[in-house]
């Protein structure tokens, strides 16, 4: 993934880590969504620990199972929609503008990787790009 300016990565991951922490503690969080928050939190922890030790553009690479990648992409899609609705209703602050580039590169690169996995997953990515505003913007 990337490269992305360190400042953009720091801004978005810091905001996302805070949001995931709050979502974990909300009363309406189910065991399934708590597990998802735990999974996303682990990715954020890895990124944040790597971002802290660099002083240049951030680039991230990992081998990930295709099923886990699809799960992660779907989770980001669902979470993005939920958070956008909450921001629009004034229930939550949105991500920092400085972090937008990082998030768009993240979405683009995850979708590109998933698209290469199989024709069925490529069709899923096409559908996401046509219905997910962040995916359309990232393309």
Protein backbone atom coordinates (compact mmCIF):
# COMPACT_ATOMS: atom_id res chain seq x y z
CA UNK A 1 0.00 0.00 0.00
CA UNK A 2 1.14 3.49 -0.68
CA UNK A 3 3.36 5.33 -0.54
CA UNK A 4 1.45 7.87 1.52
CA UNK A 5 2.81 10.88 3.38
CA UNK A 6 3.51 10.02 6.99
CA UNK A 7 1.37 12.95 8.20
CA UNK A 8 -1.67 11.63 6.32
CA UNK A 9 -1.17 8.12 7.72
CA UNK A 10 -0.75 9.46 11.26
CA UNK A 11 -3.86 11.65 10.97
CA UNK A 12 -6.18 8.92 9.68
CA UNK A 13 -4.93 6.03 11.81
CA UNK A 14 -5.09 8.15 14.97
CA UNK A 15 -8.68 9.12 14.22
CA UNK A 16 -9.65 5.56 13.25
CA UNK A 17 -8.05 4.09 16.38
CA UNK A 18 -10.09 6.49 18.51
CA UNK A 19 -13.32 5.65 16.64
CA UNK A 20 -12.74 1.89 16.89
CA UNK A 21 -12.12 2.26 20.63
CA UNK A 22 -15.40 4.16 21.06
CA UNK A 23 -17.33 1.68 18.92
CA UNK A 24 -16.05 -1.22 21.03
CA UNK A 25 -17.57 0.33 24.15
CA UNK A 26 -20.95 1.37 22.74
CA UNK A 27 -23.92 -0.47 24.25
CA UNK A 28 -25.33 -1.37 20.82
CA UNK A 29 -22.14 -3.23 19.88
CA UNK A 30 -22.92 -6.90 19.28
CA UNK A 31 -20.43 -9.71 19.76
CA UNK A 32 -20.06 -9.88 15.97
CA UNK A 33 -19.34 -6.17 15.63
CA UNK A 34 -17.03 -6.30 18.66
CA UNK A 35 -15.03 -9.02 16.91
CA UNK A 36 -14.87 -6.85 13.81
CA UNK A 37 -13.66 -3.88 15.87
CA UNK A 38 -10.99 -6.14 17.39
CA UNK A 39 -9.86 -7.21 13.90
CA UNK A 40 -9.73 -3.64 12.62
CA UNK A 41 -7.98 -2.57 15.81
CA UNK A 42 -5.21 -5.12 15.20
CA UNK A 43 -4.58 -3.72 11.71
CA UNK A 44 -4.52 -0.19 13.09
CA UNK A 45 -2.05 -1.20 15.81
CA UNK A 46 0.30 -2.67 13.19
CA UNK A 47 0.10 0.41 11.01
CA UNK A 48 0.49 2.84 13.89
CA UNK A 49 3.56 1.01 15.21
CA UNK A 50 5.15 1.13 11.72
CA UNK A 51 4.22 4.77 11.10
CA UNK A 52 5.84 5.89 14.36
CA UNK A 53 9.27 4.61 13.35
CA UNK A 54 9.49 6.17 9.89
CA UNK A 55 10.28 9.71 8.93
CA UNK A 56 9.24 9.51 5.30
CA UNK A 57 6.36 8.22 3.22
CA UNK A 58 4.49 5.25 4.66
CA UNK A 59 4.29 2.02 2.68
CA UNK A 60 2.70 -1.13 4.01
CA UNK A 61 2.76 -4.66 2.66
CA UNK A 62 1.46 -7.92 4.04
CA UNK A 63 0.44 -11.31 2.82
CA UNK A 64 -3.23 -11.80 3.58
CA UNK A 65 -5.64 -14.59 2.81
CA UNK A 66 -8.18 -13.68 0.11
CA UNK A 67 -11.12 -14.47 2.40
CA UNK A 68 -9.69 -12.21 5.10
CA UNK A 69 -9.11 -9.48 2.54
CA UNK A 70 -12.72 -9.70 1.37
CA UNK A 71 -13.87 -9.60 5.00
CA UNK A 72 -11.74 -6.52 5.66
CA UNK A 73 -12.97 -4.72 2.54
CA UNK A 74 -16.60 -5.48 3.37
CA UNK A 75 -16.04 -4.32 6.95
CA UNK A 76 -14.55 -1.02 5.78
CA UNK A 77 -17.48 -0.55 3.39
CA UNK A 78 -20.03 -1.13 6.17
CA UNK A 79 -18.14 0.96 8.71
CA UNK A 80 -17.60 3.82 6.26
CA UNK A 81 -21.33 3.96 5.54
CA UNK A 82 -22.23 3.89 9.22
CA UNK A 83 -19.72 6.55 10.18
CA UNK A 84 -20.68 8.81 7.27
CA UNK A 85 -24.34 8.66 8.37
CA UNK A 86 -23.36 9.44 11.97
CA UNK A 87 -21.20 12.38 10.85
CA UNK A 88 -24.05 13.73 8.72
CA UNK A 89 -26.41 13.50 11.73
CA UNK A 90 -23.85 15.31 13.91
CA UNK A 91 -23.35 12.27 16.15
CA UNK A 92 -19.63 11.84 15.44
CA UNK A 93 -16.78 13.96 14.13
CA UNK A 94 -15.47 13.00 10.73
CA UNK A 95 -11.98 11.97 9.82
CA UNK A 96 -9.35 14.69 9.59
CA UNK A 97 -8.93 16.19 6.13
CA UNK A 98 -5.19 15.51 6.31
CA UNK A 99 -5.90 11.77 6.59
CA UNK A 100 -8.14 11.57 3.52
CA UNK A 101 -5.30 10.71 1.14
CA UNK A 102 -4.23 7.79 3.33
CA UNK A 103 -7.77 6.42 3.49
CA UNK A 104 -8.34 6.71 -0.26
CA UNK A 105 -5.04 4.95 -0.99
CA UNK A 106 -5.97 2.25 1.53
CA UNK A 107 -9.37 1.70 -0.11
CA UNK A 108 -7.91 1.76 -3.63
CA UNK A 109 -5.11 -0.66 -2.85
CA UNK A 110 -7.34 -3.09 -0.93
CA UNK A 111 -9.88 -3.12 -3.76
CA UNK A 112 -7.16 -3.58 -6.38
CA UNK A 113 -5.72 -6.53 -4.45
CA UNK A 114 -9.13 -8.13 -4.00
CA UNK A 115 -10.00 -7.61 -7.65
CA UNK A 116 -6.94 -9.65 -8.70
CA UNK A 117 -8.00 -12.66 -6.61
CA UNK A 118 -10.75 -14.08 -8.82
CA UNK A 119 -13.48 -13.14 -11.31
CA UNK A 120 -16.11 -13.40 -8.56
CA UNK A 121 -14.19 -11.09 -6.30
CA UNK A 122 -13.59 -8.72 -9.22
CA UNK A 123 -17.36 -8.53 -9.70
CA UNK A 124 -17.75 -7.75 -5.99
CA UNK A 125 -15.18 -4.95 -6.32
CA UNK A 126 -17.01 -3.54 -9.36
CA UNK A 127 -20.21 -3.44 -7.33
CA UNK A 128 -18.44 -1.69 -4.44
CA UNK A 129 -16.90 0.88 -6.76
CA UNK A 130 -20.36 1.75 -8.09
CA UNK A 131 -22.04 2.00 -4.66
CA UNK A 132 -19.33 3.06 -2.20
CA UNK A 133 -18.49 6.77 -2.44
CA UNK A 134 -14.99 6.29 -1.00
CA UNK A 135 -14.26 3.51 -3.52
CA UNK A 136 -15.46 5.65 -6.42
CA UNK A 137 -13.33 8.58 -5.21
CA UNK A 138 -10.31 6.32 -4.72
CA UNK A 139 -10.42 4.90 -8.25
